[in-house]
């Protein structure tokens, strides 16, 4: 006989009285069998959530495009060591060519074409 503490001798809880080791083992096996199904359902919910988020984001995105001859400003080059109070945009520049992938060939006000193309994310429309 095992040594029991006085409270365990006097009062047994409902949980202790109704515990069945065989039934407990059966329930543990069932929960392990259902584990893969629960993981699969969680993955489906996660994919559904990601699709909803993607659709909500795509609804807010506004497509931007420039046409040849339009005037734009370009983001100031970070490599120049700009300070906090320096201008963030340079220009104006004229769009002289459109390249695939959202890149634009620019020319300055004197008509000299810049060395490299600029991506649309670094450009904004110049209103004059």
N, C-alpha and C. Protein backbone atom coordinates (compact mmCIF):
# COMPACT_ATOMS: atom_id res chain seq x y z
N UNK A 1 0.85 -1.18 0.00
CA UNK A 1 0.00 0.00 0.00
C UNK A 1 0.89 1.24 0.00
N UNK A 2 0.50 2.22 -0.82
CA UNK A 2 1.26 3.46 -0.91
C UNK A 2 0.91 4.36 0.25
N UNK A 3 1.88 5.20 0.57
CA UNK A 3 1.64 6.18 1.62
C UNK A 3 0.77 7.29 1.06
N UNK A 4 -0.31 7.63 1.75
CA UNK A 4 -1.23 8.67 1.32
C UNK A 4 -1.24 9.81 2.31
N UNK A 5 -1.42 10.98 1.80
CA UNK A 5 -1.54 12.14 2.66
C UNK A 5 -2.93 12.16 3.27
N UNK A 6 -3.10 12.76 4.41
CA UNK A 6 -4.41 12.77 5.07
C UNK A 6 -5.56 13.32 4.20
N UNK A 7 -5.39 14.40 3.44
CA UNK A 7 -6.53 14.87 2.63
C UNK A 7 -6.95 13.85 1.57
N UNK A 8 -5.98 13.08 1.03
CA UNK A 8 -6.30 12.09 0.01
C UNK A 8 -7.06 10.91 0.60
N UNK A 9 -6.81 10.62 1.84
CA UNK A 9 -7.52 9.53 2.51
C UNK A 9 -8.97 9.92 2.76
N UNK A 10 -9.16 11.12 3.21
CA UNK A 10 -10.49 11.55 3.62
C UNK A 10 -11.40 11.90 2.44
N UNK A 11 -10.91 12.75 1.50
CA UNK A 11 -11.76 13.28 0.44
C UNK A 11 -11.17 12.94 -0.92
N UNK A 12 -11.92 12.21 -1.69
CA UNK A 12 -11.51 11.96 -3.06
C UNK A 12 -12.35 12.83 -3.98
N UNK A 13 -11.69 13.40 -4.95
CA UNK A 13 -12.41 14.28 -5.88
C UNK A 13 -13.14 13.44 -6.91
N UNK A 14 -14.07 14.08 -7.57
CA UNK A 14 -14.83 13.42 -8.63
C UNK A 14 -13.91 12.94 -9.74
N UNK A 15 -12.92 13.74 -10.04
CA UNK A 15 -11.98 13.41 -11.11
C UNK A 15 -11.20 12.13 -10.78
N UNK A 16 -10.77 12.02 -9.53
CA UNK A 16 -10.01 10.84 -9.11
C UNK A 16 -10.91 9.61 -9.07
N UNK A 17 -12.14 9.79 -8.63
CA UNK A 17 -13.04 8.65 -8.50
C UNK A 17 -13.47 8.12 -9.87
N UNK A 18 -13.61 8.99 -10.86
CA UNK A 18 -14.11 8.55 -12.17
C UNK A 18 -13.00 8.25 -13.17
N UNK A 19 -11.74 8.36 -12.78
CA UNK A 19 -10.63 8.12 -13.69
C UNK A 19 -10.59 6.65 -14.09
N UNK A 20 -10.52 6.42 -15.40
CA UNK A 20 -10.43 5.07 -15.94
C UNK A 20 -9.22 5.03 -16.86
N UNK A 21 -8.16 4.32 -16.49
CA UNK A 21 -6.93 4.32 -17.30
C UNK A 21 -7.14 3.82 -18.73
N UNK A 22 -7.98 2.79 -18.90
CA UNK A 22 -8.21 2.26 -20.25
C UNK A 22 -8.92 3.30 -21.13
N UNK A 23 -9.95 3.92 -20.57
CA UNK A 23 -10.70 4.94 -21.32
C UNK A 23 -9.79 6.14 -21.63
N UNK A 24 -8.94 6.51 -20.67
CA UNK A 24 -8.01 7.62 -20.86
C UNK A 24 -7.05 7.32 -22.02
N UNK A 25 -6.53 6.10 -22.07
CA UNK A 25 -5.62 5.75 -23.15
C UNK A 25 -6.33 5.75 -24.50
N UNK A 26 -7.56 5.28 -24.53
CA UNK A 26 -8.34 5.28 -25.77
C UNK A 26 -8.57 6.71 -26.26
N UNK A 27 -8.91 7.62 -25.36
CA UNK A 27 -9.14 9.02 -25.73
C UNK A 27 -7.84 9.68 -26.22
N UNK A 28 -6.73 9.33 -25.61
CA UNK A 28 -5.43 9.88 -26.05
C UNK A 28 -5.12 9.42 -27.47
N UNK A 29 -5.38 8.13 -27.77
CA UNK A 29 -5.15 7.63 -29.13
C UNK A 29 -6.07 8.33 -30.13
N UNK A 30 -7.32 8.55 -29.75
CA UNK A 30 -8.25 9.24 -30.65
C UNK A 30 -7.79 10.66 -30.94
N UNK A 31 -7.31 11.36 -29.91
CA UNK A 31 -6.86 12.73 -30.13
C UNK A 31 -5.62 12.76 -31.03
N UNK A 32 -4.75 11.76 -30.92
CA UNK A 32 -3.60 11.68 -31.82
C UNK A 32 -4.03 11.39 -33.25
N UNK A 33 -5.07 10.56 -33.41
CA UNK A 33 -5.58 10.28 -34.75
C UNK A 33 -6.16 11.54 -35.39
N UNK A 34 -6.80 12.38 -34.60
CA UNK A 34 -7.45 13.57 -35.12
C UNK A 34 -6.48 14.75 -35.28
N UNK A 35 -5.26 14.58 -34.79
CA UNK A 35 -4.29 15.67 -34.83
C UNK A 35 -3.98 16.11 -36.26
N UNK A 36 -3.75 15.16 -37.17
CA UNK A 36 -3.45 15.52 -38.56
C UNK A 36 -4.62 16.27 -39.19
N UNK A 37 -5.84 15.83 -38.90
CA UNK A 37 -7.01 16.50 -39.45
C UNK A 37 -7.12 17.93 -38.93
N UNK A 38 -6.85 18.11 -37.65
CA UNK A 38 -6.90 19.46 -37.06
C UNK A 38 -5.82 20.36 -37.67
N UNK A 39 -4.65 19.80 -37.91
CA UNK A 39 -3.58 20.58 -38.55
C UNK A 39 -3.98 20.99 -39.96
N UNK A 40 -4.59 20.06 -40.68
CA UNK A 40 -5.03 20.34 -42.04
C UNK A 40 -6.09 21.45 -42.04
N UNK A 41 -7.04 21.37 -41.14
CA UNK A 41 -8.08 22.40 -41.05
C UNK A 41 -7.47 23.76 -40.70
N UNK A 42 -6.49 23.77 -39.81
CA UNK A 42 -5.82 25.03 -39.44
C UNK A 42 -5.08 25.61 -40.65
N UNK A 43 -4.45 24.75 -41.44
CA UNK A 43 -3.75 25.22 -42.64
C UNK A 43 -4.73 25.81 -43.65
N UNK A 44 -5.90 25.19 -43.81
CA UNK A 44 -6.92 25.72 -44.72
C UNK A 44 -7.41 27.09 -44.25
N UNK A 45 -7.63 27.23 -42.94
CA UNK A 45 -8.06 28.53 -42.40
C UNK A 45 -6.98 29.59 -42.62
N UNK A 46 -5.72 29.20 -42.46
CA UNK A 46 -4.61 30.13 -42.66
C UNK A 46 -4.54 30.59 -44.12
N UNK A 47 -4.72 29.67 -45.06
CA UNK A 47 -4.70 30.03 -46.48
C UNK A 47 -5.86 30.95 -46.82
N UNK A 48 -7.03 30.67 -46.27
CA UNK A 48 -8.21 31.51 -46.51
C UNK A 48 -7.97 32.93 -45.98
N UNK A 49 -7.37 33.02 -44.80
CA UNK A 49 -7.05 34.32 -44.21
C UNK A 49 -6.07 35.09 -45.09
N UNK A 50 -5.04 34.41 -45.58
CA UNK A 50 -4.04 35.08 -46.42
C UNK A 50 -4.66 35.58 -47.72
N UNK A 51 -5.57 34.80 -48.31
CA UNK A 51 -6.25 35.25 -49.53
C UNK A 51 -7.07 36.50 -49.26
N UNK A 52 -7.79 36.53 -48.12
CA UNK A 52 -8.60 37.70 -47.79
C UNK A 52 -7.73 38.92 -47.61
N UNK A 53 -6.61 38.78 -46.92
CA UNK A 53 -5.69 39.90 -46.70
C UNK A 53 -5.12 40.38 -48.04
N UNK A 54 -4.76 39.45 -48.90
CA UNK A 54 -4.21 39.81 -50.21
C UNK A 54 -5.24 40.58 -51.04
N UNK A 55 -6.48 40.12 -51.04
CA UNK A 55 -7.53 40.81 -51.80
C UNK A 55 -7.77 42.20 -51.24
N UNK A 56 -7.79 42.33 -49.92
CA UNK A 56 -8.01 43.64 -49.31
C UNK A 56 -6.87 44.59 -49.67
N UNK A 57 -5.64 44.10 -49.68
CA UNK A 57 -4.50 44.94 -50.03
C UNK A 57 -4.58 45.35 -51.50
N UNK A 58 -4.88 44.39 -52.37
CA UNK A 58 -4.92 44.67 -53.81
C UNK A 58 -6.00 45.67 -54.18
N UNK A 59 -7.08 45.74 -53.40
CA UNK A 59 -8.13 46.70 -53.69
C UNK A 59 -7.66 48.13 -53.44
N UNK A 60 -6.72 48.30 -52.52
CA UNK A 60 -6.26 49.64 -52.17
C UNK A 60 -5.11 50.12 -53.05
N UNK A 61 -4.46 49.21 -53.76
CA UNK A 61 -3.32 49.58 -54.60
C UNK A 61 -3.81 50.31 -55.84
N UNK A 62 -3.20 51.45 -56.11
CA UNK A 62 -3.53 52.22 -57.30
C UNK A 62 -2.40 52.07 -58.30
N UNK A 63 -2.75 51.62 -59.49
CA UNK A 63 -1.74 51.44 -60.53
C UNK A 63 -1.26 52.81 -61.01
N UNK A 64 0.05 52.95 -61.14
CA UNK A 64 0.64 54.19 -61.63
C UNK A 64 1.41 53.89 -62.90
N UNK A 65 1.33 54.79 -63.83
CA UNK A 65 2.13 54.66 -65.06
C UNK A 65 2.36 56.06 -65.61
N UNK A 66 3.51 56.24 -66.22
CA UNK A 66 3.83 57.50 -66.87
C UNK A 66 3.93 57.24 -68.37
N UNK A 67 3.67 58.26 -69.15
CA UNK A 67 3.77 58.17 -70.61
C UNK A 67 4.95 59.00 -71.07
N UNK A 68 5.44 58.69 -72.26
CA UNK A 68 6.57 59.45 -72.80
C UNK A 68 6.18 60.91 -72.94
N UNK A 69 7.10 61.78 -72.53
CA UNK A 69 6.86 63.21 -72.61
C UNK A 69 6.36 63.82 -71.30
N UNK A 70 5.95 63.00 -70.35
CA UNK A 70 5.49 63.53 -69.06
C UNK A 70 6.69 63.95 -68.22
N UNK A 71 6.45 64.89 -67.33
CA UNK A 71 7.49 65.37 -66.43
C UNK A 71 7.34 64.69 -65.07
N UNK A 72 8.49 64.25 -64.51
CA UNK A 72 8.48 63.54 -63.23
C UNK A 72 9.60 64.06 -62.35
N UNK A 73 9.47 63.79 -61.06
CA UNK A 73 10.55 64.01 -60.10
C UNK A 73 11.09 62.64 -59.71
N UNK A 74 12.39 62.57 -59.43
CA UNK A 74 12.95 61.31 -58.96
C UNK A 74 13.41 61.48 -57.52
N UNK A 75 13.39 60.40 -56.80
CA UNK A 75 13.83 60.41 -55.40
C UNK A 75 15.32 60.76 -55.36
N UNK A 76 15.69 61.62 -54.42
CA UNK A 76 17.10 62.03 -54.30
C UNK A 76 17.95 60.81 -53.97
N UNK A 77 19.12 60.75 -54.53
CA UNK A 77 20.01 59.61 -54.36
C UNK A 77 20.51 59.55 -52.92
N UNK A 78 20.30 58.42 -52.27
CA UNK A 78 20.69 58.25 -50.87
C UNK A 78 22.21 58.24 -50.73
N UNK A 79 22.91 57.80 -51.75
CA UNK A 79 24.36 57.70 -51.68
C UNK A 79 25.05 59.05 -51.58
N UNK A 80 24.33 60.12 -51.86
CA UNK A 80 24.93 61.45 -51.78
C UNK A 80 25.04 61.94 -50.34
N UNK A 81 24.56 61.18 -49.39
CA UNK A 81 24.65 61.57 -47.99
C UNK A 81 23.72 62.71 -47.65
N UNK A 82 22.47 62.58 -48.02
CA UNK A 82 21.50 63.63 -47.76
C UNK A 82 21.24 63.79 -46.28
N UNK A 83 21.07 65.02 -45.86
CA UNK A 83 20.73 65.30 -44.49
C UNK A 83 19.23 65.33 -44.28
N UNK A 84 18.83 65.53 -43.06
CA UNK A 84 17.41 65.51 -42.71
C UNK A 84 16.63 66.62 -43.41
N UNK A 85 17.25 67.78 -43.59
CA UNK A 85 16.53 68.92 -44.15
C UNK A 85 16.77 69.10 -45.65
N UNK A 86 17.53 68.20 -46.27
CA UNK A 86 17.74 68.29 -47.72
C UNK A 86 16.47 67.87 -48.47
N UNK A 87 16.39 68.28 -49.72
CA UNK A 87 15.22 67.93 -50.52
C UNK A 87 15.21 66.44 -50.84
N UNK A 88 14.03 65.84 -50.73
CA UNK A 88 13.90 64.40 -50.96
C UNK A 88 13.73 64.07 -52.44
N UNK A 89 13.38 65.06 -53.26
CA UNK A 89 13.12 64.81 -54.68
C UNK A 89 13.98 65.72 -55.55
N UNK A 90 14.44 65.19 -56.69
CA UNK A 90 15.24 65.95 -57.64
C UNK A 90 14.47 66.05 -58.95
N UNK A 91 14.75 67.09 -59.68
CA UNK A 91 14.12 67.17 -60.99
C UNK A 91 13.65 68.56 -61.32
N UNK A 92 12.90 68.74 -62.31
CA UNK A 92 12.10 67.75 -63.04
C UNK A 92 12.89 67.05 -64.15
N UNK A 93 12.39 65.87 -64.52
CA UNK A 93 12.94 65.09 -65.62
C UNK A 93 11.79 64.72 -66.56
N UNK A 94 12.13 64.53 -67.82
CA UNK A 94 11.12 64.14 -68.81
C UNK A 94 11.28 62.66 -69.11
N UNK A 95 10.17 61.94 -69.20
CA UNK A 95 10.20 60.51 -69.55
C UNK A 95 10.45 60.41 -71.06
N UNK A 96 11.56 59.73 -71.43
CA UNK A 96 11.88 59.58 -72.85
C UNK A 96 11.76 58.14 -73.31
N UNK A 97 11.63 57.21 -72.39
CA UNK A 97 11.50 55.81 -72.77
C UNK A 97 10.87 54.99 -71.66
N UNK A 98 10.10 53.98 -72.06
CA UNK A 98 9.47 53.09 -71.09
C UNK A 98 10.05 51.70 -71.30
N UNK A 99 10.61 51.13 -70.22
CA UNK A 99 11.22 49.81 -70.28
C UNK A 99 10.33 48.81 -69.54
N UNK A 100 10.49 47.53 -69.82
CA UNK A 100 9.66 46.54 -69.13
C UNK A 100 9.95 46.52 -67.62
N UNK A 101 8.94 46.13 -66.84
CA UNK A 101 9.13 46.00 -65.39
C UNK A 101 8.95 47.29 -64.63
N UNK A 102 8.39 48.31 -65.23
CA UNK A 102 8.13 49.55 -64.52
C UNK A 102 9.32 50.49 -64.46
N UNK A 103 10.26 50.34 -65.38
CA UNK A 103 11.43 51.22 -65.42
C UNK A 103 11.25 52.27 -66.52
N UNK A 104 11.81 53.45 -66.27
CA UNK A 104 11.66 54.57 -67.20
C UNK A 104 13.01 55.20 -67.46
N UNK A 105 13.25 55.52 -68.72
CA UNK A 105 14.45 56.26 -69.10
C UNK A 105 14.11 57.74 -69.02
N UNK A 106 14.95 58.51 -68.33
CA UNK A 106 14.67 59.93 -68.10
C UNK A 106 15.70 60.82 -68.77
N UNK A 107 15.28 62.04 -69.03
CA UNK A 107 16.19 63.06 -69.56
C UNK A 107 15.99 64.33 -68.73
N UNK A 108 17.08 65.07 -68.52
CA UNK A 108 16.96 66.30 -67.73
C UNK A 108 16.37 67.42 -68.59
N UNK A 109 16.29 68.62 -68.03
CA UNK A 109 15.65 69.73 -68.74
C UNK A 109 16.43 70.17 -69.97
N UNK A 110 17.75 69.86 -70.02
CA UNK A 110 18.55 70.19 -71.20
C UNK A 110 18.43 69.12 -72.29
N UNK A 111 17.74 68.03 -72.02
CA UNK A 111 17.56 66.96 -73.00
C UNK A 111 18.58 65.85 -72.90
N UNK A 112 19.51 65.91 -71.94
CA UNK A 112 20.53 64.87 -71.77
C UNK A 112 19.90 63.65 -71.08
N UNK A 113 20.02 62.50 -71.71
CA UNK A 113 19.45 61.27 -71.15
C UNK A 113 20.31 60.80 -69.98
N UNK A 114 19.67 60.41 -68.89
CA UNK A 114 20.39 59.93 -67.71
C UNK A 114 21.04 58.57 -67.99
N UNK A 115 22.10 58.25 -67.23
CA UNK A 115 22.88 57.05 -67.48
C UNK A 115 22.08 55.76 -67.30
N UNK A 116 21.22 55.75 -66.31
CA UNK A 116 20.50 54.51 -66.01
C UNK A 116 19.00 54.76 -65.92
N UNK A 117 18.20 53.72 -66.13
CA UNK A 117 16.75 53.89 -65.98
C UNK A 117 16.36 53.92 -64.51
N UNK A 118 15.19 54.46 -64.24
CA UNK A 118 14.68 54.57 -62.87
C UNK A 118 13.38 53.80 -62.75
N UNK A 119 13.23 53.08 -61.65
CA UNK A 119 12.00 52.33 -61.40
C UNK A 119 10.90 53.28 -60.98
N UNK A 120 9.66 52.90 -61.26
CA UNK A 120 8.51 53.77 -61.00
C UNK A 120 8.35 54.08 -59.51
N UNK A 121 8.83 53.18 -58.64
CA UNK A 121 8.67 53.43 -57.21
C UNK A 121 9.54 54.60 -56.73
N UNK A 122 10.50 55.01 -57.54
CA UNK A 122 11.36 56.14 -57.19
C UNK A 122 10.98 57.41 -57.94
N UNK A 123 9.83 57.39 -58.60
CA UNK A 123 9.39 58.54 -59.39
C UNK A 123 8.02 59.01 -58.92
N UNK A 124 7.77 60.30 -59.09
CA UNK A 124 6.41 60.82 -58.88
C UNK A 124 6.16 61.93 -59.89
N UNK A 125 4.90 62.12 -60.19
CA UNK A 125 4.49 63.09 -61.21
C UNK A 125 4.88 64.50 -60.78
N UNK A 126 5.34 65.29 -61.76
CA UNK A 126 5.69 66.69 -61.52
C UNK A 126 4.58 67.55 -62.10
N UNK A 127 3.95 68.34 -61.24
CA UNK A 127 2.86 69.22 -61.67
C UNK A 127 3.43 70.62 -61.84
N UNK A 128 3.43 71.12 -63.06
CA UNK A 128 3.96 72.46 -63.31
C UNK A 128 2.92 73.33 -63.97
